[in-house]
Amino acid sequence: MEEVLPAIDAVLLLTALRDDEPVPDITLPLSACEDGDAGEHPRLTQEDLDRDFKADLARADQRWEEIWGDHAWADSDERDSHRAEHRAEAEGEAIKDRGRRAAAHVEELVAHSGDPLWPDLVEAVEAGDRGRAVRMLAAECAAARATEPTYKLYEVNLSAQYESSPMSLGALGESLSDFETWLRSPKAE
């Protein structure tokens, strides 16, 4: 912010001088737009993911009841075992879905920063609209500030997926599992 706004101001001033136009008003500081809600960017929280996770499990339980609830079981242990197996599969899928959604959120935030924010910022500068440029720059900065917590959200959910089922990560999970085994193996002296 501290580097880009002075550059924007310089472009606007030089353009005004070149085109023999009035000097633009550069009194609106970027700090006027620095609150956490500057601009709209994609948002996702762990609470959102956890709420959806619980809803996925509830739907899986409901599906099991619809399909198997009135089934004539030979004994209650067989029923409980079948239900537990179904629940474990549903939980594994819900954990993977949390990881996928967190990854998609990282991609969505990066895409949002690249388009529409950056092109709008460039367009505002080209049009000599400093107020809009400042708003776009503030929105870009707000999106940039969200990248670290967004990545942390992804990291936490990817770790949970690895802990639940390393092989659900494919070749990456297999490599990480092998590396973990190697780290825990006794060292030869």
Protein backbone atom coordinates (compact mmCIF):
# COMPACT_ATOMS: atom_id res chain seq x y z
CA MET A 1 0.00 0.00 0.00
CA GLU A 2 2.72 2.42 1.02
CA GLU A 3 4.53 1.91 -2.28
CA VAL A 4 1.61 1.58 -4.68
CA LEU A 5 -0.46 4.62 -3.66
CA PRO A 6 2.42 7.10 -4.18
CA ALA A 7 3.04 5.49 -7.58
CA ILE A 8 -0.65 5.89 -8.46
CA ASP A 9 -0.53 9.52 -7.35
CA ALA A 10 2.59 10.13 -9.44
CA VAL A 11 0.93 8.61 -12.53
CA LEU A 12 -2.18 10.73 -12.00
CA LEU A 13 -0.19 13.94 -11.43
CA LEU A 14 2.10 13.37 -14.41
CA THR A 15 -0.86 12.49 -16.63
CA ALA A 16 -2.69 15.66 -15.56
CA LEU A 17 0.40 17.77 -16.27
CA ARG A 18 0.97 16.08 -19.63
CA ASP A 19 -2.65 16.58 -20.69
CA ASP A 20 -2.82 20.10 -19.26
CA GLU A 21 -5.69 19.10 -16.96
CA PRO A 22 -6.39 20.13 -13.38
CA VAL A 23 -4.25 18.48 -10.75
CA PRO A 24 -6.22 15.59 -9.22
CA ASP A 25 -7.29 15.66 -5.59
CA ILE A 26 -4.89 13.42 -3.69
CA THR A 27 -6.23 14.18 -0.23
CA LEU A 28 -8.06 10.89 0.28
CA PRO A 29 -5.51 8.75 2.09
CA LEU A 30 -5.47 5.00 1.73
CA SER A 31 -5.95 4.74 5.50
CA ALA A 32 -9.55 5.90 4.97
CA CYS A 33 -10.21 2.54 3.29
CA GLU A 34 -8.05 0.27 5.45
CA ASP A 35 -10.74 -1.31 7.59
CA GLY A 36 -11.09 -5.09 7.42
CA ASP A 37 -14.21 -4.86 5.27
CA ALA A 38 -12.65 -2.89 2.42
CA GLY A 39 -14.04 -4.47 -0.68
CA GLU A 40 -15.75 -7.78 -0.96
CA HIS A 41 -13.62 -10.85 -1.30
CA PRO A 42 -14.38 -14.54 -0.87
CA ARG A 43 -14.58 -15.58 2.78
CA LEU A 44 -14.59 -18.98 4.43
CA THR A 45 -14.05 -19.89 8.07
CA GLN A 46 -13.37 -23.07 9.96
CA GLU A 47 -16.80 -22.64 11.52
CA ASP A 48 -18.35 -22.69 8.02
CA LEU A 49 -16.47 -25.87 7.18
CA ASP A 50 -17.32 -27.53 10.50
CA ARG A 51 -21.00 -26.63 10.20
CA ASP A 52 -21.12 -28.15 6.70
CA PHE A 53 -19.17 -31.18 7.94
CA LYS A 54 -21.78 -31.83 10.63
CA ALA A 55 -24.58 -31.32 8.10
CA ASP A 56 -22.93 -33.83 5.72
CA LEU A 57 -22.77 -36.40 8.51
CA ALA A 58 -26.38 -35.75 9.49
CA ARG A 59 -27.46 -36.26 5.86
CA ALA A 60 -25.46 -39.49 5.70
CA ASP A 61 -27.15 -40.74 8.87
CA GLN A 62 -30.54 -39.81 7.43
CA ARG A 63 -29.73 -41.63 4.17
CA TRP A 64 -28.70 -44.72 6.11
CA GLU A 65 -31.99 -44.63 8.04
CA GLU A 66 -33.98 -44.23 4.82
CA ILE A 67 -32.25 -47.16 3.16
CA TRP A 68 -31.52 -49.52 6.05
CA GLY A 69 -33.68 -48.28 8.93
CA ASP A 70 -36.54 -50.71 8.37
CA HIS A 71 -34.31 -53.59 7.24
CA ALA A 72 -34.78 -56.83 9.15
CA TRP A 73 -31.42 -57.39 10.85
CA ALA A 74 -30.42 -60.80 12.19
CA ASP A 75 -29.01 -59.11 15.28
CA SER A 76 -28.34 -55.63 16.59
CA ASP A 77 -24.55 -56.09 16.37
CA GLU A 78 -24.81 -56.58 12.60
CA ARG A 79 -26.95 -53.44 12.33
CA ASP A 80 -24.54 -51.42 14.50
CA SER A 81 -21.54 -52.67 12.57
CA HIS A 82 -23.13 -51.79 9.23
CA ARG A 83 -24.12 -48.36 10.51
CA ALA A 84 -20.61 -47.70 11.90
CA GLU A 85 -19.05 -48.70 8.59
CA HIS A 86 -21.39 -46.38 6.69
CA ARG A 87 -20.68 -43.58 9.18
CA ALA A 88 -16.89 -44.03 8.82
CA GLU A 89 -17.14 -43.80 5.02
CA ALA A 90 -19.33 -40.70 5.26
CA GLU A 91 -16.93 -39.09 7.72
CA GLY A 92 -13.96 -39.81 5.45
CA GLU A 93 -15.77 -38.20 2.51
CA ALA A 94 -16.80 -35.20 4.63
CA ILE A 95 -13.19 -34.71 5.78
CA LYS A 96 -11.98 -34.84 2.17
CA ASP A 97 -14.70 -32.37 1.20
CA ARG A 98 -13.50 -29.94 3.89
CA GLY A 99 -9.99 -30.15 2.47
CA ARG A 100 -11.25 -29.65 -1.10
CA ARG A 101 -13.35 -26.64 -0.08
CA ALA A 102 -10.44 -25.06 1.77
CA ALA A 103 -8.21 -25.58 -1.30
CA ALA A 104 -10.89 -24.16 -3.59
CA HIS A 105 -11.16 -21.14 -1.30
CA VAL A 106 -7.43 -20.42 -1.71
CA GLU A 107 -7.86 -20.59 -5.48
CA GLU A 108 -10.97 -18.40 -5.36
CA LEU A 109 -9.23 -15.71 -3.29
CA VAL A 110 -6.23 -15.65 -5.62
CA ALA A 111 -8.51 -15.49 -8.67
CA HIS A 112 -10.53 -12.67 -7.08
CA SER A 113 -7.37 -10.70 -6.43
CA GLY A 114 -6.22 -11.15 -10.01
CA ASP A 115 -9.61 -10.57 -11.60
CA PRO A 116 -11.60 -8.36 -11.05
CA LEU A 117 -9.60 -6.33 -8.50
CA TRP A 118 -6.31 -5.75 -10.27
CA PRO A 119 -7.78 -4.93 -13.70
CA ASP A 120 -10.25 -2.54 -12.01
CA LEU A 121 -7.37 -0.83 -10.21
CA VAL A 122 -5.44 -0.42 -13.46
CA GLU A 123 -8.56 0.84 -15.23
CA ALA A 124 -9.21 3.40 -12.47
CA VAL A 125 -5.65 4.71 -12.72
CA GLU A 126 -5.86 4.87 -16.51
CA ALA A 127 -9.14 6.80 -16.20
CA GLY A 128 -7.59 9.19 -13.67
CA ASP A 129 -10.17 8.23 -11.02
CA ARG A 130 -8.10 8.37 -7.83
CA GLY A 131 -11.05 7.73 -5.51
CA ARG A 132 -11.90 4.52 -7.31
CA ALA A 133 -8.22 3.59 -7.51
CA VAL A 134 -7.87 4.01 -3.74
CA ARG A 135 -10.98 1.88 -3.16
CA MET A 136 -9.67 -0.83 -5.50
CA LEU A 137 -6.24 -0.72 -3.86
CA ALA A 138 -7.84 -1.02 -0.41
CA ALA A 139 -9.91 -3.98 -1.63
CA GLU A 140 -6.79 -5.59 -3.07
CA CYS A 141 -4.99 -5.09 0.24
CA ALA A 142 -7.92 -6.56 2.19
CA ALA A 143 -7.85 -9.62 -0.06
CA ALA A 144 -4.08 -9.86 0.40
CA ARG A 145 -4.47 -9.70 4.20
CA ALA A 146 -6.90 -12.63 3.94
CA THR A 147 -4.39 -14.87 2.17
CA GLU A 148 -2.46 -15.96 5.26
CA PRO A 149 -5.52 -17.05 7.27
CA THR A 150 -6.96 -18.61 4.12
CA TYR A 151 -3.82 -20.68 3.60
CA LYS A 152 -3.81 -21.62 7.30
CA LEU A 153 -7.40 -22.84 6.92
CA TYR A 154 -6.30 -25.01 3.99
CA GLU A 155 -3.27 -26.27 5.91
CA VAL A 156 -5.35 -27.23 8.97
CA ASN A 157 -7.93 -29.10 6.92
CA LEU A 158 -5.34 -30.82 4.75
CA SER A 159 -3.58 -31.96 7.93
CA ALA A 160 -6.88 -33.29 9.31
CA GLN A 161 -7.41 -35.19 6.06
CA TYR A 162 -3.89 -36.63 6.26
CA GLU A 163 -4.42 -37.70 9.87
CA SER A 164 -7.73 -39.32 8.97
CA SER A 165 -6.55 -41.09 5.83
CA PRO A 166 -3.11 -40.37 4.34
CA MET A 167 -3.95 -42.34 1.22
CA SER A 168 -6.92 -40.04 0.49
CA LEU A 169 -4.29 -37.52 -0.63
CA GLY A 170 -3.09 -39.84 -3.37
CA ALA A 171 0.62 -39.89 -4.19
CA LEU A 172 1.27 -36.93 -1.90
CA GLY A 173 -0.26 -38.77 1.05
CA GLU A 174 1.74 -41.88 0.24
CA SER A 175 4.98 -39.88 0.08
CA LEU A 176 4.23 -38.07 3.34
CA SER A 177 3.34 -41.37 5.04
CA ASP A 178 6.60 -42.95 3.84
CA PHE A 179 8.56 -39.92 5.04
CA GLU A 180 6.81 -40.06 8.42
CA THR A 181 7.67 -43.76 8.73
CA TRP A 182 11.29 -43.01 7.85
CA LEU A 183 11.47 -40.22 10.45
CA ARG A 184 10.15 -42.55 13.17
CA SER A 185 12.37 -45.47 12.24
CA PRO A 186 15.28 -46.35 14.56
CA LYS A 187 18.50 -44.71 13.48
CA ALA A 188 21.42 -46.98 12.59
CA GLU A 189 24.63 -46.01 14.33
